[in-house]
Amino acid sequence: MLDRESSFSHPEIVALLKNNFVPVAIDQAYQRRQKDAEGRFYQKIANGGPRKVGDGGPTTQGRYTADAEGRFLGYNTTAIRETFS
């Protein structure tokens, strides 16, 4: 299973993330409910993954990757065994 400890301790993965991605941490409980541009941007990304905004689920928690346009690239969480696309 891919998790934070094993993923973020691997030097090649750390280098890839540092050189090619901008990390963002949010409280998804707010962004998934927002009705403004920021909320719509997050919702667009989250809806690319398995946990859809508005599907009645309690959370969209996880690690998402997306490009600057908000195009979903992948998803992972340790809570359930879903993996990057």
PDB file of N, CA and C in Angstrom:
ATOM      1  N   MET A   1       0.838  -1.171   0.000  1.00  0.00           N
ATOM      2  CA  MET A   1       0.000   0.000   0.000  1.00  0.00           C
ATOM      3  C   MET A   1       0.890   1.242   0.000  1.00  0.00           C
ATOM      4  N   LEU A   2       0.528   2.203  -0.796  1.00  0.00           N
ATOM      5  CA  LEU A   2       1.245   3.470  -0.874  1.00  0.00           C
ATOM      6  C   LEU A   2       0.782   4.356   0.274  1.00  0.00           C
ATOM      7  N   ASP A   3       1.698   4.794   1.108  1.00  0.00           N
ATOM      8  CA  ASP A   3       1.325   5.666   2.212  1.00  0.00           C
ATOM      9  C   ASP A   3       2.335   6.791   2.354  1.00  0.00           C
ATOM     10  N   ARG A   4       2.023   7.739   3.234  1.00  0.00           N
ATOM     11  CA  ARG A   4       2.895   8.908   3.411  1.00  0.00           C
ATOM     12  C   ARG A   4       4.311   8.530   3.801  1.00  0.00           C
ATOM     13  N   GLU A   5       4.439   7.651   4.762  1.00  0.00           N
ATOM     14  CA  GLU A   5       5.770   7.309   5.272  1.00  0.00           C
ATOM     15  C   GLU A   5       6.646   6.711   4.188  1.00  0.00           C
ATOM     16  N   SER A   6       6.124   5.737   3.456  1.00  0.00           N
ATOM     17  CA  SER A   6       6.955   5.101   2.433  1.00  0.00           C
ATOM     18  C   SER A   6       7.124   5.994   1.205  1.00  0.00           C
ATOM     19  N   SER A   7       6.079   6.716   0.820  1.00  0.00           N
ATOM     20  CA  SER A   7       6.163   7.570  -0.367  1.00  0.00           C
ATOM     21  C   SER A   7       7.112   8.730  -0.181  1.00  0.00           C
ATOM     22  N   PHE A   8       6.962   9.434   0.927  1.00  0.00           N
ATOM     23  CA  PHE A   8       7.711  10.662   1.123  1.00  0.00           C
ATOM     24  C   PHE A   8       9.083  10.444   1.737  1.00  0.00           C
ATOM     25  N   SER A   9       9.489   9.192   1.909  1.00  0.00           N
ATOM     26  CA  SER A   9      10.847   8.922   2.356  1.00  0.00           C
ATOM     27  C   SER A   9      11.714   8.401   1.200  1.00  0.00           C
ATOM     28  N   HIS A  10      11.103   8.198   0.043  1.00  0.00           N
ATOM     29  CA  HIS A  10      11.822   7.705  -1.130  1.00  0.00           C
ATOM     30  C   HIS A  10      12.430   8.913  -1.862  1.00  0.00           C
ATOM     31  N   PRO A  11      13.766   8.998  -1.987  1.00  0.00           N
ATOM     32  CA  PRO A  11      14.425  10.179  -2.558  1.00  0.00           C
ATOM     33  C   PRO A  11      13.946  10.549  -3.970  1.00  0.00           C
ATOM     34  N   GLU A  12      13.684   9.573  -4.815  1.00  0.00           N
ATOM     35  CA  GLU A  12      13.241   9.893  -6.179  1.00  0.00           C
ATOM     36  C   GLU A  12      11.850  10.518  -6.179  1.00  0.00           C
ATOM     37  N   ILE A  13      10.974  10.031  -5.337  1.00  0.00           N
ATOM     38  CA  ILE A  13       9.618  10.597  -5.256  1.00  0.00           C
ATOM     39  C   ILE A  13       9.684  12.004  -4.682  1.00  0.00           C
ATOM     40  N   VAL A  14      10.480  12.199  -3.649  1.00  0.00           N
ATOM     41  CA  VAL A  14      10.636  13.528  -3.053  1.00  0.00           C
ATOM     42  C   VAL A  14      11.170  14.513  -4.090  1.00  0.00           C
ATOM     43  N   ALA A  15      12.171  14.119  -4.852  1.00  0.00           N
ATOM     44  CA  ALA A  15      12.734  14.997  -5.888  1.00  0.00           C
ATOM     45  C   ALA A  15      11.698  15.314  -6.961  1.00  0.00           C
ATOM     46  N   LEU A  16      10.958  14.323  -7.397  1.00  0.00           N
ATOM     47  CA  LEU A  16       9.908  14.535  -8.400  1.00  0.00           C
ATOM     48  C   LEU A  16       8.878  15.537  -7.902  1.00  0.00           C
ATOM     49  N   LEU A  17       8.418  15.356  -6.674  1.00  0.00           N
ATOM     50  CA  LEU A  17       7.423  16.265  -6.112  1.00  0.00           C
ATOM     51  C   LEU A  17       7.977  17.671  -5.928  1.00  0.00           C
ATOM     52  N   LYS A  18       9.188  17.781  -5.413  1.00  0.00           N
ATOM     53  CA  LYS A  18       9.788  19.090  -5.183  1.00  0.00           C
ATOM     54  C   LYS A  18      10.020  19.860  -6.470  1.00  0.00           C
ATOM     55  N   ASN A  19      10.379  19.161  -7.541  1.00  0.00           N
ATOM     56  CA  ASN A  19      10.726  19.818  -8.800  1.00  0.00           C
ATOM     57  C   ASN A  19       9.564  20.030  -9.751  1.00  0.00           C
ATOM     58  N   ASN A  20       8.461  19.303  -9.563  1.00  0.00           N
ATOM     59  CA  ASN A  20       7.386  19.345 -10.553  1.00  0.00           C
ATOM     60  C   ASN A  20       6.008  19.694 -10.011  1.00  0.00           C
ATOM     61  N   PHE A  21       5.873  19.831  -8.709  1.00  0.00           N
ATOM     62  CA  PHE A  21       4.559  20.074  -8.124  1.00  0.00           C
ATOM     63  C   PHE A  21       4.625  21.186  -7.091  1.00  0.00           C
ATOM     64  N   VAL A  22       3.496  21.835  -6.875  1.00  0.00           N
ATOM     65  CA  VAL A  22       3.344  22.828  -5.821  1.00  0.00           C
ATOM     66  C   VAL A  22       2.404  22.211  -4.790  1.00  0.00           C
ATOM     67  N   PRO A  23       2.903  21.924  -3.590  1.00  0.00           N
ATOM     68  CA  PRO A  23       2.038  21.311  -2.583  1.00  0.00           C
ATOM     69  C   PRO A  23       1.042  22.321  -2.013  1.00  0.00           C
ATOM     70  N   VAL A  24      -0.158  21.856  -1.801  1.00  0.00           N
ATOM     71  CA  VAL A  24      -1.209  22.677  -1.219  1.00  0.00           C
ATOM     72  C   VAL A  24      -1.926  21.829  -0.185  1.00  0.00           C
ATOM     73  N   ALA A  25      -2.117  22.366   0.989  1.00  0.00           N
ATOM     74  CA  ALA A  25      -2.867  21.672   2.026  1.00  0.00           C
ATOM     75  C   ALA A  25      -4.089  22.515   2.377  1.00  0.00           C
ATOM     76  N   ILE A  26      -5.240  21.887   2.385  1.00  0.00           N
ATOM     77  CA  ILE A  26      -6.488  22.597   2.695  1.00  0.00           C
ATOM     78  C   ILE A  26      -7.311  21.772   3.671  1.00  0.00           C
ATOM     79  N   ASP A  27      -8.322  22.401   4.229  1.00  0.00           N
ATOM     80  CA  ASP A  27      -9.314  21.687   5.023  1.00  0.00           C
ATOM     81  C   ASP A  27     -10.491  21.416   4.090  1.00  0.00           C
ATOM     82  N   GLN A  28     -10.550  20.218   3.538  1.00  0.00           N
ATOM     83  CA  GLN A  28     -11.539  19.903   2.515  1.00  0.00           C
ATOM     84  C   GLN A  28     -12.977  20.059   2.995  1.00  0.00           C
ATOM     85  N   ALA A  29     -13.197  20.058   4.294  1.00  0.00           N
ATOM     86  CA  ALA A  29     -14.555  20.230   4.813  1.00  0.00           C
ATOM     87  C   ALA A  29     -15.139  21.577   4.383  1.00  0.00           C
ATOM     88  N   TYR A  30     -14.272  22.583   4.185  1.00  0.00           N
ATOM     89  CA  TYR A  30     -14.739  23.896   3.734  1.00  0.00           C
ATOM     90  C   TYR A  30     -14.802  23.975   2.208  1.00  0.00           C
ATOM     91  N   GLN A  31     -13.715  23.597   1.527  1.00  0.00           N
ATOM     92  CA  GLN A  31     -13.657  23.761   0.075  1.00  0.00           C
ATOM     93  C   GLN A  31     -14.714  22.940  -0.653  1.00  0.00           C
ATOM     94  N   ARG A  32     -15.057  21.801  -0.148  1.00  0.00           N
ATOM     95  CA  ARG A  32     -16.059  20.996  -0.858  1.00  0.00           C
ATOM     96  C   ARG A  32     -17.454  21.596  -0.759  1.00  0.00           C
ATOM     97  N   ARG A  33     -17.655  22.550   0.161  1.00  0.00           N
ATOM     98  CA  ARG A  33     -18.960  23.216   0.321  1.00  0.00           C
ATOM     99  C   ARG A  33     -18.983  24.631  -0.253  1.00  0.00           C
ATOM    100  N   GLN A  34     -17.817  25.184  -0.564  1.00  0.00           N
ATOM    101  CA  GLN A  34     -17.745  26.566  -1.043  1.00  0.00           C
ATOM    102  C   GLN A  34     -18.437  26.735  -2.382  1.00  0.00           C
ATOM    103  N   LYS A  35     -19.057  27.908  -2.567  1.00  0.00           N
ATOM    104  CA  LYS A  35     -19.785  28.218  -3.807  1.00  0.00           C
ATOM    105  C   LYS A  35     -19.072  29.275  -4.639  1.00  0.00           C
ATOM    106  N   ASP A  36     -17.770  29.493  -4.355  1.00  0.00           N
ATOM    107  CA  ASP A  36     -17.012  30.487  -5.095  1.00  0.00           C
ATOM    108  C   ASP A  36     -15.987  29.800  -6.009  1.00  0.00           C
ATOM    109  N   ALA A  37     -15.123  30.592  -6.648  1.00  0.00           N
ATOM    110  CA  ALA A  37     -14.144  30.042  -7.595  1.00  0.00           C
ATOM    111  C   ALA A  37     -13.194  29.051  -6.932  1.00  0.00           C
ATOM    112  N   GLU A  38     -12.751  29.339  -5.720  1.00  0.00           N
ATOM    113  CA  GLU A  38     -11.850  28.426  -5.013  1.00  0.00           C
ATOM    114  C   GLU A  38     -12.532  27.082  -4.760  1.00  0.00           C
ATOM    115  N   GLY A  39     -13.774  27.136  -4.310  1.00  0.00           N
ATOM    116  CA  GLY A  39     -14.517  25.898  -4.067  1.00  0.00           C
ATOM    117  C   GLY A  39     -14.734  25.105  -5.340  1.00  0.00           C
ATOM    118  N   ARG A  40     -15.112  25.795  -6.410  1.00  0.00           N
ATOM    119  CA  ARG A  40     -15.336  25.102  -7.688  1.00  0.00           C
ATOM    120  C   ARG A  40     -14.053  24.468  -8.214  1.00  0.00           C
ATOM    121  N   PHE A  41     -12.909  25.127  -8.014  1.00  0.00           N
ATOM    122  CA  PHE A  41     -11.624  24.576  -8.446  1.00  0.00           C
ATOM    123  C   PHE A  41     -11.331  23.280  -7.685  1.00  0.00           C
ATOM    124  N   TYR A  42     -11.473  23.317  -6.363  1.00  0.00           N
ATOM    125  CA  TYR A  42     -11.243  22.101  -5.568  1.00  0.00           C
ATOM    126  C   TYR A  42     -12.229  21.004  -5.944  1.00  0.00           C
ATOM    127  N   GLN A  43     -13.491  21.352  -6.096  1.00  0.00           N
ATOM    128  CA  GLN A  43     -14.524  20.367  -6.420  1.00  0.00           C
ATOM    129  C   GLN A  43     -14.264  19.702  -7.768  1.00  0.00           C
ATOM    130  N   LYS A  44     -13.767  20.489  -8.717  1.00  0.00           N
ATOM    131  CA  LYS A  44     -13.413  19.926 -10.029  1.00  0.00           C
ATOM    132  C   LYS A  44     -12.333  18.855  -9.873  1.00  0.00           C
ATOM    133  N   ILE A  45     -11.321  19.141  -9.067  1.00  0.00           N
ATOM    134  CA  ILE A  45     -10.249  18.171  -8.832  1.00  0.00           C
ATOM    135  C   ILE A  45     -10.790  16.959  -8.084  1.00  0.00           C
ATOM    136  N   ALA A  46     -11.494  17.197  -6.984  1.00  0.00           N
ATOM    137  CA  ALA A  46     -12.000  16.099  -6.152  1.00  0.00           C
ATOM    138  C   ALA A  46     -12.948  15.191  -6.927  1.00  0.00           C
ATOM    139  N   ASN A  47     -13.737  15.757  -7.807  1.00  0.00           N
ATOM    140  CA  ASN A  47     -14.684  14.941  -8.575  1.00  0.00           C
ATOM    141  C   ASN A  47     -14.014  14.040  -9.592  1.00  0.00           C
ATOM    142  N   GLY A  48     -12.730  14.254  -9.834  1.00  0.00           N
ATOM    143  CA  GLY A  48     -11.977  13.345 -10.692  1.00  0.00           C
ATOM    144  C   GLY A  48     -11.617  12.056  -9.982  1.00  0.00           C
ATOM    145  N   GLY A  49     -11.604  12.093  -8.665  1.00  0.00           N
ATOM    146  CA  GLY A  49     -11.259  10.926  -7.857  1.00  0.00           C
ATOM    147  C   GLY A  49     -12.486  10.103  -7.495  1.00  0.00           C
ATOM    148  N   PRO A  50     -12.295   9.117  -6.644  1.00  0.00           N
ATOM    149  CA  PRO A  50     -13.386   8.215  -6.294  1.00  0.00           C
ATOM    150  C   PRO A  50     -14.395   8.803  -5.313  1.00  0.00           C
ATOM    151  N   ARG A  51     -14.024   9.854  -4.598  1.00  0.00           N
ATOM    152  CA  ARG A  51     -14.921  10.461  -3.608  1.00  0.00           C
ATOM    153  C   ARG A  51     -15.478  11.745  -4.190  1.00  0.00           C
ATOM    154  N   LYS A  52     -16.681  11.697  -4.715  1.00  0.00           N
ATOM    155  CA  LYS A  52     -17.278  12.832  -5.402  1.00  0.00           C
ATOM    156  C   LYS A  52     -17.909  13.817  -4.420  1.00  0.00           C
ATOM    157  N   VAL A  53     -17.770  15.096  -4.731  1.00  0.00           N
ATOM    158  CA  VAL A  53     -18.427  16.133  -3.946  1.00  0.00           C
ATOM    159  C   VAL A  53     -19.927  16.002  -4.184  1.00  0.00           C
ATOM    160  N   GLY A  54     -20.691  15.988  -3.105  1.00  0.00           N
ATOM    161  CA  GLY A  54     -22.142  15.940  -3.228  1.00  0.00           C
ATOM    162  C   GLY A  54     -22.734  14.560  -3.415  1.00  0.00           C
ATOM    163  N   ASP A  55     -21.932  13.498  -3.305  1.00  0.00           N
ATOM    164  CA  ASP A  55     -22.479  12.148  -3.490  1.00  0.00           C
ATOM    165  C   ASP A  55     -23.037  11.565  -2.195  1.00  0.00           C
ATOM    166  N   GLY A  56     -23.103  12.391  -1.172  1.00  0.00           N
ATOM    167  CA  GLY A  56     -23.631  11.929   0.100  1.00  0.00           C
ATOM    168  C   GLY A  56     -22.574  11.386   1.039  1.00  0.00           C
ATOM    169  N   GLY A  57     -21.348  11.242   0.552  1.00  0.00           N
ATOM    170  CA  GLY A  57     -20.264  10.766   1.402  1.00  0.00           C
ATOM    171  C   GLY A  57     -19.839  11.836   2.391  1.00  0.00           C
ATOM    172  N   PRO A  58     -19.217  11.446   3.477  1.00  0.00           N
ATOM    173  CA  PRO A  58     -18.859  12.411   4.503  1.00  0.00           C
ATOM    174  C   PRO A  58     -17.591  13.214   4.220  1.00  0.00           C
ATOM    175  N   THR A  59     -16.803  12.815   3.216  1.00  0.00           N
ATOM    176  CA  THR A  59     -15.516  13.466   3.024  1.00  0.00           C
ATOM    177  C   THR A  59     -14.982  13.280   1.606  1.00  0.00           C
ATOM    178  N   THR A  60     -14.109  14.185   1.205  1.00  0.00           N
ATOM    179  CA  THR A  60     -13.327  14.023  -0.021  1.00  0.00           C
ATOM    180  C   THR A  60     -11.847  13.967   0.349  1.00  0.00           C
ATOM    181  N   GLN A  61     -11.578  13.629   1.603  1.00  0.00           N
ATOM    182  CA  GLN A  61     -10.216  13.586   2.135  1.00  0.00           C
ATOM    183  C   GLN A  61      -9.317  12.670   1.314  1.00  0.00           C
ATOM    184  N   GLY A  62      -8.072  13.069   1.155  1.00  0.00           N
ATOM    185  CA  GLY A  62      -7.087  12.256   0.442  1.00  0.00           C
ATOM    186  C   GLY A  62      -6.001  13.133  -0.126  1.00  0.00           C
ATOM    187  N   ARG A  63      -5.112  12.527  -0.885  1.00  0.00           N
ATOM    188  CA  ARG A  63      -4.047  13.251  -1.576  1.00  0.00           C
ATOM    189  C   ARG A  63      -4.367  13.232  -3.069  1.00  0.00           C
ATOM    190  N   TYR A  64      -4.536  14.407  -3.619  1.00  0.00           N
ATOM    191  CA  TYR A  64      -4.882  14.556  -5.028  1.00  0.00           C
ATOM    192  C   TYR A  64      -3.712  15.179  -5.770  1.00  0.00           C
ATOM    193  N   THR A  65      -3.564  14.847  -7.033  1.00  0.00           N
ATOM    194  CA  THR A  65      -2.648  15.575  -7.903  1.00  0.00           C
ATOM    195  C   THR A  65      -3.473  16.121  -9.052  1.00  0.00           C
ATOM    196  N   ALA A  66      -3.135  17.354  -9.442  1.00  0.00           N
ATOM    197  CA  ALA A  66      -3.849  18.018 -10.528  1.00  0.00           C
ATOM    198  C   ALA A  66      -2.902  19.003 -11.186  1.00  0.00           C
ATOM    199  N   ASP A  67      -3.226  19.382 -12.418  1.00  0.00           N
ATOM    200  CA  ASP A  67      -2.418  20.407 -13.068  1.00  0.00           C
ATOM    201  C   ASP A  67      -2.974  21.789 -12.707  1.00  0.00           C
ATOM    202  N   ALA A  68      -2.333  22.841 -13.204  1.00  0.00           N
ATOM    203  CA  ALA A  68      -2.721  24.206 -12.860  1.00  0.00           C
ATOM    204  C   ALA A  68      -4.122  24.568 -13.331  1.00  0.00           C
ATOM    205  N   GLU A  69      -4.620  23.845 -14.315  1.00  0.00           N
ATOM    206  CA  GLU A  69      -5.973  24.084 -14.820  1.00  0.00           C
ATOM    207  C   GLU A  69      -7.025  23.367 -13.983  1.00  0.00           C
ATOM    208  N   GLY A  70      -6.592  22.529 -13.050  1.00  0.00           N
ATOM    209  CA  GLY A  70      -7.529  21.765 -12.235  1.00  0.00           C
ATOM    210  C   GLY A  70      -7.845  20.399 -12.811  1.00  0.00           C
ATOM    211  N   ARG A  71      -7.082  19.982 -13.819  1.00  0.00           N
ATOM    212  CA  ARG A  71      -7.307  18.655 -14.404  1.00  0.00           C
ATOM    213  C   ARG A  71      -6.776  17.587 -13.449  1.00  0.00           C
ATOM    214  N   PHE A  72      -7.647  16.684 -13.066  1.00  0.00           N
ATOM    215  CA  PHE A  72      -7.312  15.614 -12.136  1.00  0.00           C
ATOM    216  C   PHE A  72      -6.259  14.690 -12.736  1.00  0.00           C
ATOM    217  N   LEU A  73      -5.208  14.396 -11.943  1.00  0.00           N
ATOM    218  CA  LEU A  73      -4.151  13.487 -12.394  1.00  0.00           C
ATOM    219  C   LEU A  73      -4.108  12.193 -11.585  1.00  0.00           C
ATOM    220  N   GLY A  74      -4.439  12.265 -10.298  1.00  0.00           N
ATOM    221  CA  GLY A  74      -4.385  11.050  -9.484  1.00  0.00           C
ATOM    222  C   GLY A  74      -4.859  11.287  -8.070  1.00  0.00           C
ATOM    223  N   TYR A  75      -5.058  10.205  -7.343  1.00  0.00           N
ATOM    224  CA  TYR A  75      -5.599  10.247  -5.980  1.00  0.00           C
ATOM    225  C   TYR A  75      -5.031   9.096  -5.168  1.00  0.00           C
ATOM    226  N   ASN A  76      -4.865   9.352  -3.875  1.00  0.00           N
ATOM    227  CA  ASN A  76      -4.418   8.306  -2.956  1.00  0.00           C
ATOM    228  C   ASN A  76      -4.858   8.667  -1.554  1.00  0.00           C
ATOM    229  N   THR A  77      -5.155   7.660  -0.761  1.00  0.00           N
ATOM    230  CA  THR A  77      -5.405   7.847   0.659  1.00  0.00           C
ATOM    231  C   THR A  77      -5.043   6.568   1.384  1.00  0.00           C
ATOM    232  N   THR A  78      -4.683   6.696   2.649  1.00  0.00           N
ATOM    233  CA  THR A  78      -4.393   5.497   3.430  1.00  0.00           C
ATOM    234  C   THR A  78      -5.632   5.009   4.158  1.00  0.00           C
ATOM    235  N   ALA A  79      -6.701   5.802   4.173  1.00  0.00           N
ATOM    236  CA  ALA A  79      -7.930   5.409   4.877  1.00  0.00           C
ATOM    237  C   ALA A  79      -8.585   4.209   4.184  1.00  0.00           C
ATOM    238  N   ILE A  80      -8.564   4.197   2.866  1.00  0.00           N
ATOM    239  CA  ILE A  80      -9.063   3.073   2.093  1.00  0.00           C
ATOM    240  C   ILE A  80      -8.028   2.775   1.017  1.00  0.00           C
ATOM    241  N   ARG A  81      -8.001   1.612   0.506  1.00  0.00           N
ATOM    242  CA  ARG A  81      -6.912   1.207  -0.382  1.00  0.00           C
ATOM    243  C   ARG A  81      -7.142   1.616  -1.832  1.00  0.00           C
ATOM    244  N   GLU A  82      -7.312   2.900  -2.055  1.00  0.00           N
ATOM    245  CA  GLU A  82      -7.397   3.432  -3.398  1.00  0.00           C
ATOM    246  C   GLU A  82      -6.005   3.913  -3.784  1.00  0.00           C
ATOM    247  N   THR A  83      -5.656   3.854  -5.035  1.00  0.00           N
ATOM    248  CA  THR A  83      -4.316   4.224  -5.438  1.00  0.00           C
ATOM    249  C   THR A  83      -4.360   5.246  -6.552  1.00  0.00           C
ATOM    250  N   PHE A  84      -3.195   5.837  -6.820  1.00  0.00           N
ATOM    251  CA  PHE A  84      -3.097   6.808  -7.905  1.00  0.00           C
ATOM    252  C   PHE A  84      -3.560   6.196  -9.212  1.00  0.00           C
ATOM    253  N   SER A  85      -4.214   7.032 -10.014  1.00  0.00           N
ATOM    254  CA  SER A  85      -4.680   6.597 -11.324  1.00  0.00           C
ATOM    255  C   SER A  85      -3.526   6.488 -12.287  1.00  0.00           C
TER     256      SER A  85
END
